[in-house]
Amino acid sequence: MSDAAFGEMRPIGVIRSPFKGLKGMPIQPAGADGVVGTIEVYPEFVEGLLDLDGFSHIILLYAFSESKGYDAVVTPFMDAAPHGVFATRAPRRPNPIGLSVVRLMSMDEGVLHIENVDVLDGTPLLDIKPHVPKFIPDGPVRVGWLAPAHDSVVQRRSDDRFL
C-alpha cells in the first residue's frame, strides 16, 4: 500500500489549554486532573458534534505539532532507560500523533469545554471519538516496563528531552 492511499489529514479544530510551553506540562491526562481547556472546532466540522454531548469522556487525536523528527529508541519521561519508541507514548514519533482521553464538561456552538487536558495550547486537533469503556477489551492488562513507575504518572512532568 502506498503512502498516498491514506490521503491527507487536516485539523478539525484547535485545542486550547493553559500550557504555553512544552517543559513542565503533565505527560498524561492522569497528571492533569482538574486542568480545564477548550476545543475550538472549525465551522465546517461543527455539525459532526451532534449528540457528542451525551458522552462524559472523549478521545482526542491530535498532531504533536511542535515535535520534530524522531528516534527509534527513546528514553521516555517515565523511565531512565531507553525503550523502542512504539513501547512508549513519547511525542517524537514517525507519525507525531497524540491521544488523550478527557472529560467533556459542556459544548457551546462549536466549542467543547474539557477537563484533564494535558495538551499544549494551540495543538491541532485531528479527530474526536466518544470514549466507551465497554468497547475496550476487559481483563488482565500488562503495562510492560512501566509497571514499577506507572503509579507515579500523576506527578510526572515533561522536561526538555523531546524538544
Protein backbone atom coordinates (compact mmCIF):
# COMPACT_ATOMS: atom_id res chain seq x y z
CA MET A 1 0.00 0.00 0.00
CA SER A 2 1.43 3.36 -0.94
CA ASP A 3 1.66 6.38 1.34
CA ALA A 4 -0.80 8.16 -0.98
CA ALA A 5 -3.51 5.61 -0.11
CA PHE A 6 -4.11 7.39 3.19
CA GLY A 7 -4.80 10.82 1.73
CA GLU A 8 -4.03 13.96 3.67
CA MET A 9 -5.10 14.67 7.20
CA ARG A 10 -6.23 18.13 8.16
CA PRO A 11 -7.11 19.56 11.53
CA ILE A 12 -10.77 19.75 12.52
CA GLY A 13 -10.06 22.31 15.21
CA VAL A 14 -7.58 23.52 17.80
CA ILE A 15 -7.06 22.56 21.44
CA ARG A 16 -6.71 25.39 23.96
CA SER A 17 -5.02 24.81 27.31
CA PRO A 18 -3.11 26.72 29.96
CA PHE A 19 0.15 25.12 28.77
CA LYS A 20 2.08 27.65 26.68
CA GLY A 21 5.38 25.75 26.66
CA LEU A 22 6.36 22.09 26.50
CA LYS A 23 8.56 22.00 29.59
CA GLY A 24 6.75 21.23 32.84
CA MET A 25 3.48 20.00 31.29
CA PRO A 26 1.71 16.91 32.60
CA ILE A 27 2.65 13.94 30.46
CA GLN A 28 -0.76 12.22 30.54
CA PRO A 29 -4.34 13.25 31.39
CA ALA A 30 -3.99 11.47 34.77
CA GLY A 31 -1.42 14.13 35.70
CA ALA A 32 -3.72 16.94 34.54
CA ASP A 33 -6.58 16.23 36.95
CA GLY A 34 -8.82 19.28 37.05
CA VAL A 35 -6.95 21.20 34.32
CA VAL A 36 -9.54 22.81 32.08
CA GLY A 37 -9.30 23.72 28.43
CA THR A 38 -11.39 24.12 25.33
CA ILE A 39 -11.56 22.76 21.84
CA GLU A 40 -12.49 25.15 19.07
CA VAL A 41 -13.99 23.04 16.30
CA TYR A 42 -13.75 24.65 12.86
CA PRO A 43 -17.15 25.72 11.44
CA GLU A 44 -17.20 23.14 8.63
CA PHE A 45 -16.99 20.32 11.22
CA VAL A 46 -19.41 21.61 13.90
CA GLU A 47 -22.31 19.56 12.51
CA GLY A 48 -20.27 16.44 13.32
CA LEU A 49 -20.61 17.23 17.03
CA LEU A 50 -24.30 16.26 17.00
CA ASP A 51 -25.04 14.02 20.03
CA LEU A 52 -21.46 14.14 21.37
CA ASP A 53 -22.75 15.92 24.47
CA GLY A 54 -24.26 12.64 25.68
CA PHE A 55 -20.78 11.31 26.46
CA SER A 56 -18.87 12.12 29.64
CA HIS A 57 -15.44 11.47 28.12
CA ILE A 58 -13.97 11.84 24.66
CA ILE A 59 -10.83 10.62 22.95
CA LEU A 60 -8.77 13.34 21.28
CA LEU A 61 -6.40 12.50 18.46
CA TYR A 62 -4.06 15.38 17.73
CA ALA A 63 -0.83 16.32 16.00
CA PHE A 64 2.28 16.84 18.07
CA SER A 65 2.85 19.99 16.03
CA GLU A 66 5.97 21.04 17.93
CA SER A 67 7.57 17.63 17.56
CA LYS A 68 10.38 17.48 15.02
CA GLY A 69 11.88 14.19 13.85
CA TYR A 70 12.01 11.01 15.86
CA ASP A 71 14.35 8.38 17.23
CA ALA A 72 13.60 4.66 17.08
CA VAL A 73 14.84 4.31 20.65
CA VAL A 74 13.98 6.93 23.28
CA THR A 75 14.31 7.49 27.00
CA PRO A 76 10.72 8.34 28.00
CA PHE A 77 9.54 10.65 30.77
CA MET A 78 8.55 7.65 32.90
CA ASP A 79 11.95 5.91 32.95
CA ALA A 80 15.68 6.47 32.81
CA ALA A 81 16.29 3.52 30.46
CA PRO A 82 15.91 3.55 26.67
CA HIS A 83 12.93 1.82 25.02
CA GLY A 84 11.64 1.46 21.47
CA VAL A 85 9.51 4.46 20.53
CA PHE A 86 6.48 2.20 19.94
CA ALA A 87 6.76 0.89 23.53
CA THR A 88 6.37 4.48 24.77
CA ARG A 89 4.00 7.41 24.47
CA ALA A 90 6.85 9.78 23.62
CA PRO A 91 5.83 12.76 21.45
CA ARG A 92 8.63 12.45 18.88
CA ARG A 93 7.35 9.65 16.62
CA PRO A 94 7.44 8.70 12.92
CA ASN A 95 3.83 9.97 12.73
CA PRO A 96 3.57 12.54 15.52
CA ILE A 97 0.04 11.71 16.64
CA GLY A 98 -1.08 12.10 20.24
CA LEU A 99 -4.04 10.62 22.09
CA SER A 100 -5.74 11.81 25.26
CA VAL A 101 -8.96 10.83 27.00
CA VAL A 102 -10.53 13.94 28.55
CA ARG A 103 -13.75 14.74 30.37
CA LEU A 104 -16.33 16.58 28.25
CA MET A 105 -17.89 19.15 30.56
CA SER A 106 -20.09 21.02 28.07
CA MET A 107 -20.48 22.16 24.48
CA ASP A 108 -21.44 25.57 23.17
CA GLU A 109 -21.66 26.44 19.44
CA GLY A 110 -18.59 24.53 18.28
CA VAL A 111 -16.61 25.00 21.49
CA LEU A 112 -16.08 21.98 23.72
CA HIS A 113 -15.21 22.63 27.36
CA ILE A 114 -12.94 19.86 28.60
CA GLU A 115 -11.16 18.82 31.78
CA ASN A 116 -7.96 16.86 32.45
CA VAL A 117 -6.27 18.30 29.38
CA ASP A 118 -2.55 17.53 29.05
CA VAL A 119 -2.01 19.15 25.64
CA LEU A 120 0.00 22.19 24.54
CA ASP A 121 -2.10 25.28 23.80
CA GLY A 122 -2.74 25.65 20.07
CA THR A 123 -2.37 21.94 19.26
CA PRO A 124 -4.12 20.94 16.02
CA LEU A 125 -6.98 18.50 16.66
CA LEU A 126 -7.25 15.69 14.11
CA ASP A 127 -10.27 13.76 15.39
CA ILE A 128 -12.68 13.22 18.28
CA LYS A 129 -14.17 9.89 19.26
CA PRO A 130 -16.52 9.09 22.14
CA HIS A 131 -14.92 7.11 24.94
CA VAL A 132 -16.97 3.98 25.56
CA PRO A 133 -15.43 1.71 28.24
CA LYS A 134 -17.32 -1.39 27.03
CA PHE A 135 -15.54 -1.06 23.67
CA ILE A 136 -12.20 -1.66 25.37
CA PRO A 137 -11.37 -5.32 25.98
CA ASP A 138 -11.77 -6.28 29.63
CA GLY A 139 -9.37 -8.50 31.51
CA PRO A 140 -5.83 -8.51 32.81
CA VAL A 141 -3.64 -5.73 31.46
CA ARG A 142 0.15 -5.78 31.35
CA VAL A 143 1.97 -2.46 31.37
CA GLY A 144 5.41 -3.77 30.44
CA TRP A 145 8.42 -1.73 31.51
CA LEU A 146 6.07 0.89 33.04
CA ALA A 147 4.97 -1.44 35.87
CA PRO A 148 7.36 -0.05 38.52
CA ALA A 149 6.60 3.61 37.70
CA HIS A 150 3.11 3.76 36.26
CA ASP A 151 1.51 4.82 39.56
CA SER A 152 3.72 7.93 39.55
CA VAL A 153 2.31 9.37 36.29
CA VAL A 154 0.27 11.92 38.26
CA GLN A 155 3.46 13.61 39.48
CA ARG A 156 5.48 13.32 36.27
CA ARG A 157 6.05 16.40 34.09
CA SER A 158 7.69 16.89 30.74
CA ASP A 159 11.23 18.15 30.55
CA ASP A 160 13.43 19.11 27.62
CA ARG A 161 14.29 15.62 26.39
CA PHE A 162 11.93 15.81 23.37
CA LEU A 163 12.38 19.49 22.47
